[in-house]
Amino acid sequence: MTNNYYLGVDIGSVSSNFVLLSEDQKDVYKVYLRTQGNPVKAIKNGFLDLMQLVGSKELIIKGVGATGSGRHLAGVILGADIIKNEITAHAIAAASSTPEVRTVIEIGGQDSKIILLKDQIVYDFAMNTVCAAGTGSFLDQQASRLNIDIKDFGNIAVKGTHAVRIAGRCGVFAESDMIHKQQMGYPTADILMGLCEALARNYLANLGKGKKIAEPIVFQGGVAANIGMKKAFEKLLNMKINIPENFEVMGALGAALLAKETQQFSKKPSLFKGSEYILNGEFYSAGQECLGCSNNCEVVKIKRNQEVLAYWGDRCQKWSNSLQIVEDEVC
């Protein structure tokens, strides 16, 4: 049995996901946790949780892939061999679970995506990063207002006998409409199912507009845990929705698959910095303003203990291209 594994990380604004994938792709260790506004801490804690999940099993991490909005940060801290956008990572993961996949529906906490494939090649996609009514945070907020655990949302929603029509084109209007329906005495289950359908309608109107949605359809991302959303999409599309086994960590799984492909092709040693480096170091980020020109770039600095690992955010790349700059120097 091989001890070679590939690490994939997907660092998002709401959740951070970690996957260890064996070389034969039969073993998958996964960790899903909340970023809680601190991606640096989430990366370290997620890696620690993953190592504790593996336990005493001896393994060798042969490659590391990173994706998500915090992919560059993860790449610096962990030592990534490949850093890729979420579209690529999710598409590869979907194709690995469903080789004939044509449409990928991905809804996360802060954004959502639609990816169209043919013969496992992406030919079209769209992303929503601005409208909260089309993301998982929309359901989180409404569940909180209704005093319902988000984990129970879907199970309660599917018990509804008649989904209440809720205006879902805007998160603010949807909330006021939901409150109005509560005051009118509609059952909670019907309101929850109505919220699921409102999110699904918003998704299809914004991301699916003008696109040919074809089967097989794979639904992934944290929101895929909500069975009410699966039912809502199946009702609106009149198509079957497939949810893969590792739906909640598909971005990280795709990053691990990319790391495997990269390392097997390059034949070079991995840039992975090792468990001791990651777990025994204190990582933190700091911001500073560069006054060297009228751009006044906000430069982000990542440090491990007292060592500066990377800078980014500068347009001229004077900071990001050099780690020899004195800490308090103004360029």
C-alpha atoms as a PDB file:
ATOM      1  CA  MET A   1       0.000   0.000   0.000  1.00  0.00           C
ATOM      2  CA  THR A   2       1.391   3.403  -0.998  1.00  0.00           C
ATOM      3  CA  ASN A   3       2.146   6.040   1.643  1.00  0.00           C
ATOM      4  CA  ASN A   4       2.324   8.830  -0.914  1.00  0.00           C
ATOM      5  CA  TYR A   5      -0.358  11.506  -0.542  1.00  0.00           C
ATOM      6  CA  TYR A   6      -1.247  14.825  -2.130  1.00  0.00           C
ATOM      7  CA  LEU A   7      -2.524  17.772  -0.124  1.00  0.00           C
ATOM      8  CA  GLY A   8      -5.213  20.071  -1.490  1.00  0.00           C
ATOM      9  CA  VAL A   9      -6.467  23.196   0.260  1.00  0.00           C
ATOM     10  CA  ASP A  10      -9.351  25.501  -0.602  1.00  0.00           C
ATOM     11  CA  ILE A  11      -9.252  28.674   1.497  1.00  0.00           C
ATOM     12  CA  GLY A  12     -12.425  30.720   1.212  1.00  0.00           C
ATOM     13  CA  SER A  13     -13.896  33.660   3.077  1.00  0.00           C
ATOM     14  CA  VAL A  14     -16.427  31.484   4.918  1.00  0.00           C
ATOM     15  CA  SER A  15     -14.929  27.975   4.956  1.00  0.00           C
ATOM     16  CA  SER A  16     -11.488  26.430   4.602  1.00  0.00           C
ATOM     17  CA  ASN A  17     -11.251  22.885   3.267  1.00  0.00           C
ATOM     18  CA  PHE A  18      -8.381  20.413   3.360  1.00  0.00           C
ATOM     19  CA  VAL A  19      -7.944  17.085   1.586  1.00  0.00           C
ATOM     20  CA  LEU A  20      -5.251  14.430   1.683  1.00  0.00           C
ATOM     21  CA  LEU A  21      -5.560  12.175  -1.361  1.00  0.00           C
ATOM     22  CA  SER A  22      -3.663   8.919  -1.712  1.00  0.00           C
ATOM     23  CA  GLU A  23      -1.718   8.274  -4.892  1.00  0.00           C
ATOM     24  CA  ASP A  24      -4.194   5.607  -5.978  1.00  0.00           C
ATOM     25  CA  GLN A  25      -7.043   8.033  -5.145  1.00  0.00           C
ATOM     26  CA  LYS A  26      -8.789   5.446  -2.981  1.00  0.00           C
ATOM     27  CA  ASP A  27      -8.145   7.123   0.384  1.00  0.00           C
ATOM     28  CA  VAL A  28      -9.451  10.616   1.103  1.00  0.00           C
ATOM     29  CA  TYR A  29      -8.953  12.382   4.419  1.00  0.00           C
ATOM     30  CA  LYS A  30     -10.855  15.641   4.641  1.00  0.00           C
ATOM     31  CA  VAL A  31     -11.378  18.572   6.995  1.00  0.00           C
ATOM     32  CA  TYR A  32     -14.048  21.270   6.649  1.00  0.00           C
ATOM     33  CA  LEU A  33     -13.919  24.238   8.998  1.00  0.00           C
ATOM     34  CA  ARG A  34     -14.993  27.870   9.217  1.00  0.00           C
ATOM     35  CA  THR A  35     -12.428  30.487   8.243  1.00  0.00           C
ATOM     36  CA  GLN A  36     -13.890  32.910  10.836  1.00  0.00           C
ATOM     37  CA  GLY A  37     -12.218  35.908   9.258  1.00  0.00           C
ATOM     38  CA  ASN A  38      -8.690  34.625   9.924  1.00  0.00           C
ATOM     39  CA  PRO A  39      -7.375  32.600   6.956  1.00  0.00           C
ATOM     40  CA  VAL A  40      -3.841  32.405   8.384  1.00  0.00           C
ATOM     41  CA  LYS A  41      -5.110  30.728  11.539  1.00  0.00           C
ATOM     42  CA  ALA A  42      -7.532  28.579   9.528  1.00  0.00           C
ATOM     43  CA  ILE A  43      -4.695  27.217   7.374  1.00  0.00           C
ATOM     44  CA  LYS A  44      -2.643  26.201  10.391  1.00  0.00           C
ATOM     45  CA  ASN A  45      -5.627  24.785  12.331  1.00  0.00           C
ATOM     46  CA  GLY A  46      -6.944  22.938   9.297  1.00  0.00           C
ATOM     47  CA  PHE A  47      -3.586  21.313   8.634  1.00  0.00           C
ATOM     48  CA  LEU A  48      -3.324  20.317  12.316  1.00  0.00           C
ATOM     49  CA  ASP A  49      -6.839  18.818  12.241  1.00  0.00           C
ATOM     50  CA  LEU A  50      -5.906  16.882   9.109  1.00  0.00           C
ATOM     51  CA  MET A  51      -2.779  15.454  10.706  1.00  0.00           C
ATOM     52  CA  GLN A  52      -4.763  14.449  13.805  1.00  0.00           C
ATOM     53  CA  LEU A  53      -7.361  12.807  11.566  1.00  0.00           C
ATOM     54  CA  VAL A  54      -4.658  10.738   9.869  1.00  0.00           C
ATOM     55  CA  GLY A  55      -3.275   9.785  13.299  1.00  0.00           C
ATOM     56  CA  SER A  56      -0.222   7.555  13.483  1.00  0.00           C
ATOM     57  CA  LYS A  57      -0.372   6.582   9.808  1.00  0.00           C
ATOM     58  CA  GLU A  58       2.979   7.202   8.153  1.00  0.00           C
ATOM     59  CA  LEU A  59       2.654   9.196   4.977  1.00  0.00           C
ATOM     60  CA  ILE A  60       4.678  11.298   2.583  1.00  0.00           C
ATOM     61  CA  ILE A  61       3.157  14.459   1.115  1.00  0.00           C
ATOM     62  CA  LYS A  62       4.384  14.414  -2.477  1.00  0.00           C
ATOM     63  CA  GLY A  63       2.656  17.575  -3.630  1.00  0.00           C
ATOM     64  CA  VAL A  64       0.481  20.488  -2.528  1.00  0.00           C
ATOM     65  CA  GLY A  65      -2.222  22.354  -4.447  1.00  0.00           C
ATOM     66  CA  ALA A  66      -4.054  25.497  -3.348  1.00  0.00           C
ATOM     67  CA  THR A  67      -7.229  27.193  -4.532  1.00  0.00           C
ATOM     68  CA  GLY A  68      -9.861  29.597  -3.213  1.00  0.00           C
ATOM     69  CA  SER A  69      -9.694  33.320  -2.475  1.00  0.00           C
ATOM     70  CA  GLY A  70      -6.850  32.670  -0.017  1.00  0.00           C
ATOM     71  CA  ARG A  71      -4.907  30.382  -2.338  1.00  0.00           C
ATOM     72  CA  HIS A  72      -1.804  32.595  -2.532  1.00  0.00           C
ATOM     73  CA  LEU A  73      -1.682  32.860   1.245  1.00  0.00           C
ATOM     74  CA  ALA A  74      -1.970  29.076   1.568  1.00  0.00           C
ATOM     75  CA  GLY A  75       0.683  28.636  -1.086  1.00  0.00           C
ATOM     76  CA  VAL A  76       3.175  30.716   0.892  1.00  0.00           C
ATOM     77  CA  ILE A  77       2.495  29.075   4.255  1.00  0.00           C
ATOM     78  CA  LEU A  78       2.328  25.456   3.073  1.00  0.00           C
ATOM     79  CA  GLY A  79       4.623  25.538   0.079  1.00  0.00           C
ATOM     80  CA  ALA A  80       2.275  24.879  -2.837  1.00  0.00           C
ATOM     81  CA  ASP A  81       3.440  23.248  -6.049  1.00  0.00           C
ATOM     82  CA  ILE A  82       0.450  24.603  -7.959  1.00  0.00           C
ATOM     83  CA  ILE A  83      -1.981  27.441  -7.279  1.00  0.00           C
ATOM     84  CA  LYS A  84      -5.165  27.457  -9.351  1.00  0.00           C
ATOM     85  CA  ASN A  85      -8.483  29.302  -9.503  1.00  0.00           C
ATOM     86  CA  GLU A  86     -11.668  27.755  -8.138  1.00  0.00           C
ATOM     87  CA  ILE A  87     -13.219  27.126 -11.568  1.00  0.00           C
ATOM     88  CA  THR A  88     -10.409  24.795 -12.581  1.00  0.00           C
ATOM     89  CA  ALA A  89     -10.273  23.034  -9.214  1.00  0.00           C
ATOM     90  CA  HIS A  90     -14.027  22.419  -9.002  1.00  0.00           C
ATOM     91  CA  ALA A  91     -14.251  21.273 -12.617  1.00  0.00           C
ATOM     92  CA  ILE A  92     -11.459  18.715 -12.196  1.00  0.00           C
ATOM     93  CA  ALA A  93     -12.974  17.398  -8.965  1.00  0.00           C
ATOM     94  CA  ALA A  94     -16.423  17.096 -10.553  1.00  0.00           C
ATOM     95  CA  ALA A  95     -14.998  15.230 -13.550  1.00  0.00           C
ATOM     96  CA  SER A  96     -13.160  12.848 -11.239  1.00  0.00           C
ATOM     97  CA  SER A  97     -16.401  11.872  -9.508  1.00  0.00           C
ATOM     98  CA  THR A  98     -18.658  12.006 -12.565  1.00  0.00           C
ATOM     99  CA  PRO A  99     -16.558  11.668 -15.757  1.00  0.00           C
ATOM    100  CA  GLU A 100     -19.490  12.490 -18.043  1.00  0.00           C
ATOM    101  CA  VAL A 101     -20.506  15.646 -16.093  1.00  0.00           C
ATOM    102  CA  ARG A 102     -21.883  18.489 -18.241  1.00  0.00           C
ATOM    103  CA  THR A 103     -22.932  21.048 -15.616  1.00  0.00           C
ATOM    104  CA  VAL A 104     -21.473  21.912 -12.234  1.00  0.00           C
ATOM    105  CA  ILE A 105     -23.554  23.898  -9.753  1.00  0.00           C
ATOM    106  CA  GLU A 106     -21.349  25.179  -6.945  1.00  0.00           C
ATOM    107  CA  ILE A 107     -22.676  27.319  -4.110  1.00  0.00           C
ATOM    108  CA  GLY A 108     -20.430  28.375  -1.275  1.00  0.00           C
ATOM    109  CA  GLY A 109     -20.803  30.746   1.631  1.00  0.00           C
ATOM    110  CA  GLN A 110     -19.856  33.953  -0.185  1.00  0.00           C
ATOM    111  CA  ASP A 111     -19.987  33.145  -3.887  1.00  0.00           C
ATOM    112  CA  SER A 112     -21.486  30.753  -6.385  1.00  0.00           C
ATOM    113  CA  LYS A 113     -20.453  29.372  -9.753  1.00  0.00           C
ATOM    114  CA  ILE A 114     -21.799  27.531 -12.749  1.00  0.00           C
ATOM    115  CA  ILE A 115     -19.368  25.531 -14.860  1.00  0.00           C
ATOM    116  CA  LEU A 116     -20.237  23.944 -18.204  1.00  0.00           C
ATOM    117  CA  LEU A 117     -18.088  21.098 -19.518  1.00  0.00           C
ATOM    118  CA  LYS A 118     -17.900  18.870 -22.545  1.00  0.00           C
ATOM    119  CA  ASP A 119     -15.596  15.862 -22.616  1.00  0.00           C
ATOM    120  CA  GLN A 120     -14.200  17.011 -19.256  1.00  0.00           C
ATOM    121  CA  ILE A 121     -13.131  20.370 -20.700  1.00  0.00           C
ATOM    122  CA  VAL A 122     -14.564  23.670 -19.402  1.00  0.00           C
ATOM    123  CA  TYR A 123     -16.047  25.724 -22.225  1.00  0.00           C
ATOM    124  CA  ASP A 124     -18.126  28.239 -20.253  1.00  0.00           C
ATOM    125  CA  PHE A 125     -18.608  29.436 -16.692  1.00  0.00           C
ATOM    126  CA  ALA A 126     -19.999  32.286 -14.622  1.00  0.00           C
ATOM    127  CA  MET A 127     -19.454  33.473 -11.062  1.00  0.00           C
ATOM    128  CA  ASN A 128     -21.475  35.499  -8.595  1.00  0.00           C
ATOM    129  CA  THR A 129     -19.396  37.331  -6.000  1.00  0.00           C
ATOM    130  CA  VAL A 130     -21.604  40.354  -5.300  1.00  0.00           C
ATOM    131  CA  CYS A 131     -25.173  39.207  -4.584  1.00  0.00           C
ATOM    132  CA  ALA A 132     -25.684  37.632  -1.156  1.00  0.00           C
ATOM    133  CA  ALA A 133     -29.095  36.271  -2.193  1.00  0.00           C
ATOM    134  CA  GLY A 134     -27.305  33.803  -4.469  1.00  0.00           C
ATOM    135  CA  THR A 135     -24.968  32.337  -1.850  1.00  0.00           C
ATOM    136  CA  GLY A 136     -25.019  30.170   1.255  1.00  0.00           C
ATOM    137  CA  SER A 137     -24.792  33.198   3.556  1.00  0.00           C
ATOM    138  CA  PHE A 138     -28.358  34.007   2.478  1.00  0.00           C
ATOM    139  CA  LEU A 139     -29.612  30.754   4.006  1.00  0.00           C
ATOM    140  CA  ASP A 140     -27.373  31.208   7.063  1.00  0.00           C
ATOM    141  CA  GLN A 141     -28.862  34.610   7.801  1.00  0.00           C
ATOM    142  CA  GLN A 142     -32.459  33.481   7.415  1.00  0.00           C
ATOM    143  CA  ALA A 143     -31.874  30.344   9.518  1.00  0.00           C
ATOM    144  CA  SER A 144     -30.461  32.549  12.271  1.00  0.00           C
ATOM    145  CA  ARG A 145     -33.482  34.842  12.123  1.00  0.00           C
ATOM    146  CA  LEU A 146     -35.785  31.816  12.385  1.00  0.00           C
ATOM    147  CA  ASN A 147     -33.662  30.400  15.236  1.00  0.00           C
ATOM    148  CA  ILE A 148     -32.959  27.220  13.260  1.00  0.00           C
ATOM    149  CA  ASP A 149     -29.626  25.431  13.084  1.00  0.00           C
ATOM    150  CA  ILE A 150     -28.395  25.608   9.491  1.00  0.00           C
ATOM    151  CA  LYS A 151     -27.702  21.843   9.683  1.00  0.00           C
ATOM    152  CA  ASP A 152     -31.445  21.230  10.147  1.00  0.00           C
ATOM    153  CA  PHE A 153     -32.548  23.695   7.456  1.00  0.00           C
ATOM    154  CA  GLY A 154     -32.901  21.232   4.585  1.00  0.00           C
ATOM    155  CA  ASN A 155     -34.541  18.444   6.575  1.00  0.00           C
ATOM    156  CA  ILE A 156     -37.213  20.844   7.808  1.00  0.00           C
ATOM    157  CA  ALA A 157     -37.650  22.479   4.389  1.00  0.00           C
ATOM    158  CA  VAL A 158     -38.456  19.221   2.557  1.00  0.00           C
ATOM    159  CA  LYS A 159     -41.316  18.620   4.992  1.00  0.00           C
ATOM    160  CA  GLY A 160     -43.099  21.651   3.591  1.00  0.00           C
ATOM    161  CA  THR A 161     -46.243  20.841   1.618  1.00  0.00           C
ATOM    162  CA  HIS A 162     -46.435  24.153  -0.264  1.00  0.00           C
ATOM    163  CA  ALA A 163     -43.339  26.301  -0.764  1.00  0.00           C
ATOM    164  CA  VAL A 164     -44.099  29.945  -0.049  1.00  0.00           C
ATOM    165  CA  ARG A 165     -43.197  32.301  -2.890  1.00  0.00           C
ATOM    166  CA  ILE A 166     -40.447  34.622  -1.614  1.00  0.00           C
ATOM    167  CA  ALA A 167     -38.824  37.423  -3.595  1.00  0.00           C
ATOM    168  CA  GLY A 168     -35.263  36.211  -3.837  1.00  0.00           C
ATOM    169  CA  ARG A 169     -33.618  38.652  -6.268  1.00  0.00           C
ATOM    170  CA  CYS A 170     -32.227  40.664  -3.355  1.00  0.00           C
ATOM    171  CA  GLY A 171     -31.209  39.494   0.134  1.00  0.00           C
ATOM    172  CA  VAL A 172     -32.745  42.554   1.802  1.00  0.00           C
ATOM    173  CA  PHE A 173     -36.098  42.206   0.031  1.00  0.00           C
ATOM    174  CA  ALA A 174     -36.119  38.447   0.606  1.00  0.00           C
ATOM    175  CA  GLU A 175     -35.704  38.915   4.355  1.00  0.00           C
ATOM    176  CA  SER A 176     -38.517  41.463   4.598  1.00  0.00           C
ATOM    177  CA  ASP A 177     -40.731  39.212   2.456  1.00  0.00           C
ATOM    178  CA  MET A 178     -39.933  36.240   4.703  1.00  0.00           C
ATOM    179  CA  ILE A 179     -40.829  38.225   7.824  1.00  0.00           C
ATOM    180  CA  HIS A 180     -44.108  39.219   6.205  1.00  0.00           C
ATOM    181  CA  LYS A 181     -44.906  35.568   5.448  1.00  0.00           C
ATOM    182  CA  GLN A 182     -44.099  34.661   9.082  1.00  0.00           C
ATOM    183  CA  GLN A 183     -46.486  37.310  10.308  1.00  0.00           C
ATOM    184  CA  MET A 184     -49.174  35.930   8.044  1.00  0.00           C
ATOM    185  CA  GLY A 185     -48.817  32.560   9.786  1.00  0.00           C
ATOM    186  CA  TYR A 186     -47.301  30.383   7.071  1.00  0.00           C
ATOM    187  CA  PRO A 187     -45.723  27.139   8.393  1.00  0.00           C
ATOM    188  CA  THR A 188     -41.971  27.322   8.984  1.00  0.00           C
ATOM    189  CA  ALA A 189     -41.302  24.345   6.693  1.00  0.00           C
ATOM    190  CA  ASP A 190     -43.122  26.057   3.814  1.00  0.00           C
ATOM    191  CA  ILE A 191     -41.132  29.256   4.393  1.00  0.00           C
ATOM    192  CA  LEU A 192     -37.829  27.375   4.433  1.00  0.00           C
ATOM    193  CA  MET A 193     -38.664  25.559   1.214  1.00  0.00           C
ATOM    194  CA  GLY A 194     -39.625  28.901  -0.270  1.00  0.00           C
ATOM    195  CA  LEU A 195     -36.222  30.289   0.679  1.00  0.00           C
ATOM    196  CA  CYS A 196     -34.523  27.326  -1.039  1.00  0.00           C
ATOM    197  CA  GLU A 197     -36.491  27.918  -4.201  1.00  0.00           C
ATOM    198  CA  ALA A 198     -35.776  31.662  -4.016  1.00  0.00           C
ATOM    199  CA  LEU A 199     -32.025  31.009  -3.889  1.00  0.00           C
ATOM    200  CA  ALA A 200     -32.277  28.476  -6.729  1.00  0.00           C
ATOM    201  CA  ARG A 201     -34.270  30.937  -8.884  1.00  0.00           C
ATOM    202  CA  ASN A 202     -31.744  33.679  -8.181  1.00  0.00           C
ATOM    203  CA  TYR A 203     -28.879  31.359  -9.123  1.00  0.00           C
ATOM    204  CA  LEU A 204     -30.491  30.285 -12.393  1.00  0.00           C
ATOM    205  CA  ALA A 205     -31.513  33.838 -13.312  1.00  0.00           C
ATOM    206  CA  ASN A 206     -28.081  35.326 -12.671  1.00  0.00           C
ATOM    207  CA  LEU A 207     -25.647  32.534 -13.549  1.00  0.00           C
ATOM    208  CA  GLY A 208     -27.703  30.224 -15.724  1.00  0.00           C
ATOM    209  CA  LYS A 209     -29.194  32.915 -17.950  1.00  0.00           C
ATOM    210  CA  GLY A 210     -28.492  32.151 -21.597  1.00  0.00           C
ATOM    211  CA  LYS A 211     -26.589  28.980 -20.768  1.00  0.00           C
ATOM    212  CA  LYS A 212     -27.529  25.476 -21.818  1.00  0.00           C
ATOM    213  CA  ILE A 213     -27.763  23.461 -18.627  1.00  0.00           C
ATOM    214  CA  ALA A 214     -27.372  19.817 -19.555  1.00  0.00           C
ATOM    215  CA  GLU A 215     -27.268  16.561 -17.620  1.00  0.00           C
ATOM    216  CA  PRO A 216     -25.480  15.056 -15.806  1.00  0.00           C
ATOM    217  CA  ILE A 217     -25.548  17.863 -13.252  1.00  0.00           C
ATOM    218  CA  VAL A 218     -23.237  17.813 -10.233  1.00  0.00           C
ATOM    219  CA  PHE A 219     -24.125  19.964  -7.221  1.00  0.00           C
ATOM    220  CA  GLN A 220     -21.207  20.741  -4.915  1.00  0.00           C
ATOM    221  CA  GLY A 221     -20.099  23.216  -2.253  1.00  0.00           C
ATOM    222  CA  GLY A 222     -21.239  23.522   1.348  1.00  0.00           C
ATOM    223  CA  VAL A 223     -24.824  24.358   0.355  1.00  0.00           C
ATOM    224  CA  ALA A 224     -25.180  20.935  -1.308  1.00  0.00           C
ATOM    225  CA  ALA A 225     -25.594  19.554   2.238  1.00  0.00           C
ATOM    226  CA  ASN A 226     -29.021  21.200   2.225  1.00  0.00           C
ATOM    227  CA  ILE A 227     -31.419  18.621   0.780  1.00  0.00           C
ATOM    228  CA  GLY A 228     -33.974  21.387   0.303  1.00  0.00           C
ATOM    229  CA  MET A 229     -31.689  23.038  -2.256  1.00  0.00           C
ATOM    230  CA  LYS A 230     -31.335  19.789  -4.185  1.00  0.00           C
ATOM    231  CA  LYS A 231     -35.116  19.462  -4.301  1.00  0.00           C
ATOM    232  CA  ALA A 232     -35.500  23.101  -5.371  1.00  0.00           C
ATOM    233  CA  PHE A 233     -33.088  22.756  -8.302  1.00  0.00           C
ATOM    234  CA  GLU A 234     -34.695  19.496  -9.422  1.00  0.00           C
ATOM    235  CA  LYS A 235     -38.112  21.173  -9.370  1.00  0.00           C
ATOM    236  CA  LEU A 236     -37.004  24.245 -11.335  1.00  0.00           C
ATOM    237  CA  LEU A 237     -34.844  22.395 -13.867  1.00  0.00           C
ATOM    238  CA  ASN A 238     -36.904  19.202 -14.061  1.00  0.00           C
ATOM    239  CA  MET A 239     -33.590  17.348 -14.083  1.00  0.00           C
ATOM    240  CA  LYS A 240     -31.791  15.021 -11.707  1.00  0.00           C
ATOM    241  CA  ILE A 241     -29.210  16.619  -9.415  1.00  0.00           C
ATOM    242  CA  ASN A 242     -26.214  14.495  -8.364  1.00  0.00           C
ATOM    243  CA  ILE A 243     -24.324  15.221  -5.154  1.00  0.00           C
ATOM    244  CA  PRO A 244     -20.823  13.681  -4.983  1.00  0.00           C
ATOM    245  CA  GLU A 245     -19.505  11.967  -1.880  1.00  0.00           C
ATOM    246  CA  ASN A 246     -17.043  14.751  -1.056  1.00  0.00           C
ATOM    247  CA  PHE A 247     -19.328  17.596  -2.125  1.00  0.00           C
ATOM    248  CA  GLU A 248     -18.256  19.954   0.684  1.00  0.00           C
ATOM    249  CA  VAL A 249     -14.519  19.792  -0.125  1.00  0.00           C
ATOM    250  CA  MET A 250     -14.535  19.498  -3.920  1.00  0.00           C
ATOM    251  CA  GLY A 251     -12.354  22.578  -4.369  1.00  0.00           C
ATOM    252  CA  ALA A 252      -9.679  21.085  -2.105  1.00  0.00           C
ATOM    253  CA  LEU A 253     -10.043  17.704  -3.820  1.00  0.00           C
ATOM    254  CA  GLY A 254      -9.504  19.359  -7.193  1.00  0.00           C
ATOM    255  CA  ALA A 255      -6.404  21.108  -5.825  1.00  0.00           C
ATOM    256  CA  ALA A 256      -5.036  17.756  -4.617  1.00  0.00           C
ATOM    257  CA  LEU A 257      -5.664  16.192  -8.043  1.00  0.00           C
ATOM    258  CA  LEU A 258      -3.885  19.133  -9.688  1.00  0.00           C
ATOM    259  CA  ALA A 259      -0.945  18.701  -7.312  1.00  0.00           C
ATOM    260  CA  LYS A 260      -0.731  15.020  -8.222  1.00  0.00           C
ATOM    261  CA  GLU A 261      -0.775  15.769 -11.950  1.00  0.00           C
ATOM    262  CA  THR A 262       1.794  18.550 -11.574  1.00  0.00           C
ATOM    263  CA  GLN A 263       4.270  16.514  -9.557  1.00  0.00           C
ATOM    264  CA  GLN A 264       3.979  13.397 -11.685  1.00  0.00           C
ATOM    265  CA  PHE A 265       4.616  15.480 -14.787  1.00  0.00           C
ATOM    266  CA  SER A 266       7.460  17.645 -13.437  1.00  0.00           C
ATOM    267  CA  LYS A 267       9.341  14.891 -11.575  1.00  0.00           C
ATOM    268  CA  LYS A 268      10.680  17.617  -9.236  1.00  0.00           C
ATOM    269  CA  PRO A 269      10.665  17.500  -5.413  1.00  0.00           C
ATOM    270  CA  SER A 270       7.630  19.111  -3.819  1.00  0.00           C
ATOM    271  CA  LEU A 271       7.828  22.632  -2.414  1.00  0.00           C
ATOM    272  CA  PHE A 272       5.883  21.417   0.642  1.00  0.00           C
ATOM    273  CA  LYS A 273       7.529  22.941   3.721  1.00  0.00           C
ATOM    274  CA  GLY A 274       6.797  20.081   6.100  1.00  0.00           C
ATOM    275  CA  SER A 275       4.659  19.532   9.179  1.00  0.00           C
ATOM    276  CA  GLU A 276       7.290  20.858  11.605  1.00  0.00           C
ATOM    277  CA  TYR A 277       7.614  24.130   9.694  1.00  0.00           C
ATOM    278  CA  ILE A 278       3.841  24.642   9.571  1.00  0.00           C
ATOM    279  CA  LEU A 279       2.847  23.513  13.060  1.00  0.00           C
ATOM    280  CA  ASN A 280       5.767  24.995  15.009  1.00  0.00           C
ATOM    281  CA  GLY A 281       5.776  28.428  13.426  1.00  0.00           C
ATOM    282  CA  GLU A 282       3.727  31.507  14.299  1.00  0.00           C
ATOM    283  CA  PHE A 283       2.244  32.895  11.103  1.00  0.00           C
ATOM    284  CA  TYR A 284       0.582  36.266  10.835  1.00  0.00           C
ATOM    285  CA  SER A 285      -0.202  38.964   8.320  1.00  0.00           C
ATOM    286  CA  ALA A 286       0.122  42.730   8.501  1.00  0.00           C
ATOM    287  CA  GLY A 287      -0.815  45.570   6.210  1.00  0.00           C
ATOM    288  CA  GLN A 288       1.157  48.647   5.292  1.00  0.00           C
ATOM    289  CA  GLU A 289       0.684  51.538   2.894  1.00  0.00           C
ATOM    290  CA  CYS A 290       3.348  52.249   0.297  1.00  0.00           C
ATOM    291  CA  LEU A 291       3.813  56.000  -0.246  1.00  0.00           C
ATOM    292  CA  GLY A 292       6.236  55.677  -3.135  1.00  0.00           C
ATOM    293  CA  CYS A 293       3.756  57.009  -5.691  1.00  0.00           C
ATOM    294  CA  SER A 294       0.195  58.259  -6.062  1.00  0.00           C
ATOM    295  CA  ASN A 295      -1.176  54.688  -6.124  1.00  0.00           C
ATOM    296  CA  ASN A 296      -0.675  54.413  -2.342  1.00  0.00           C
ATOM    297  CA  CYS A 297      -0.817  50.615  -2.609  1.00  0.00           C
ATOM    298  CA  GLU A 298      -1.944  48.648   0.434  1.00  0.00           C
ATOM    299  CA  VAL A 299       0.772  46.016   0.743  1.00  0.00           C
ATOM    300  CA  VAL A 300       0.129  42.776   2.654  1.00  0.00           C
ATOM    301  CA  LYS A 301       3.054  41.174   4.459  1.00  0.00           C
ATOM    302  CA  ILE A 302       3.080  37.534   5.573  1.00  0.00           C
ATOM    303  CA  LYS A 303       5.527  36.522   8.308  1.00  0.00           C
ATOM    304  CA  ARG A 304       6.552  33.337  10.085  1.00  0.00           C
ATOM    305  CA  ASN A 305       7.962  34.265  13.457  1.00  0.00           C
ATOM    306  CA  GLN A 306      10.277  37.162  12.437  1.00  0.00           C
ATOM    307  CA  GLU A 307      10.859  35.989   8.870  1.00  0.00           C
ATOM    308  CA  VAL A 308       9.018  37.770   6.056  1.00  0.00           C
ATOM    309  CA  LEU A 309       7.674  35.135   3.664  1.00  0.00           C
ATOM    310  CA  ALA A 310       5.957  37.265   1.059  1.00  0.00           C
ATOM    311  CA  TYR A 311       4.519  40.629   0.095  1.00  0.00           C
ATOM    312  CA  TRP A 312       1.672  41.276  -2.288  1.00  0.00           C
ATOM    313  CA  GLY A 313      -0.796  43.980  -3.245  1.00  0.00           C
ATOM    314  CA  ASP A 314       1.758  46.370  -4.810  1.00  0.00           C
ATOM    315  CA  ARG A 315       1.099  47.288  -8.422  1.00  0.00           C
ATOM    316  CA  CYS A 316       4.729  47.888  -9.352  1.00  0.00           C
ATOM    317  CA  GLN A 317       5.779  44.678  -7.541  1.00  0.00           C
ATOM    318  CA  LYS A 318       8.714  46.389  -5.840  1.00  0.00           C
ATOM    319  CA  TRP A 319       7.720  44.750  -2.559  1.00  0.00           C
ATOM    320  CA  SER A 320       6.502  41.419  -3.861  1.00  0.00           C
ATOM    321  CA  ASN A 321       9.621  40.892  -5.972  1.00  0.00           C
ATOM    322  CA  SER A 322      12.025  41.444  -3.098  1.00  0.00           C
ATOM    323  CA  LEU A 323      12.303  40.212   0.472  1.00  0.00           C
ATOM    324  CA  GLN A 324      15.396  42.319   1.142  1.00  0.00           C
ATOM    325  CA  ILE A 325      13.456  45.455   2.043  1.00  0.00           C
ATOM    326  CA  VAL A 326      13.920  46.936   5.501  1.00  0.00           C
ATOM    327  CA  GLU A 327      10.728  46.576   7.513  1.00  0.00           C
ATOM    328  CA  ASP A 328      10.022  50.271   8.102  1.00  0.00           C
ATOM    329  CA  GLU A 329      11.323  51.527   4.761  1.00  0.00           C
ATOM    330  CA  VAL A 330       8.963  53.671   2.692  1.00  0.00           C
ATOM    331  CA  CYS A 331       9.534  52.991  -0.984  1.00  0.00           C
END
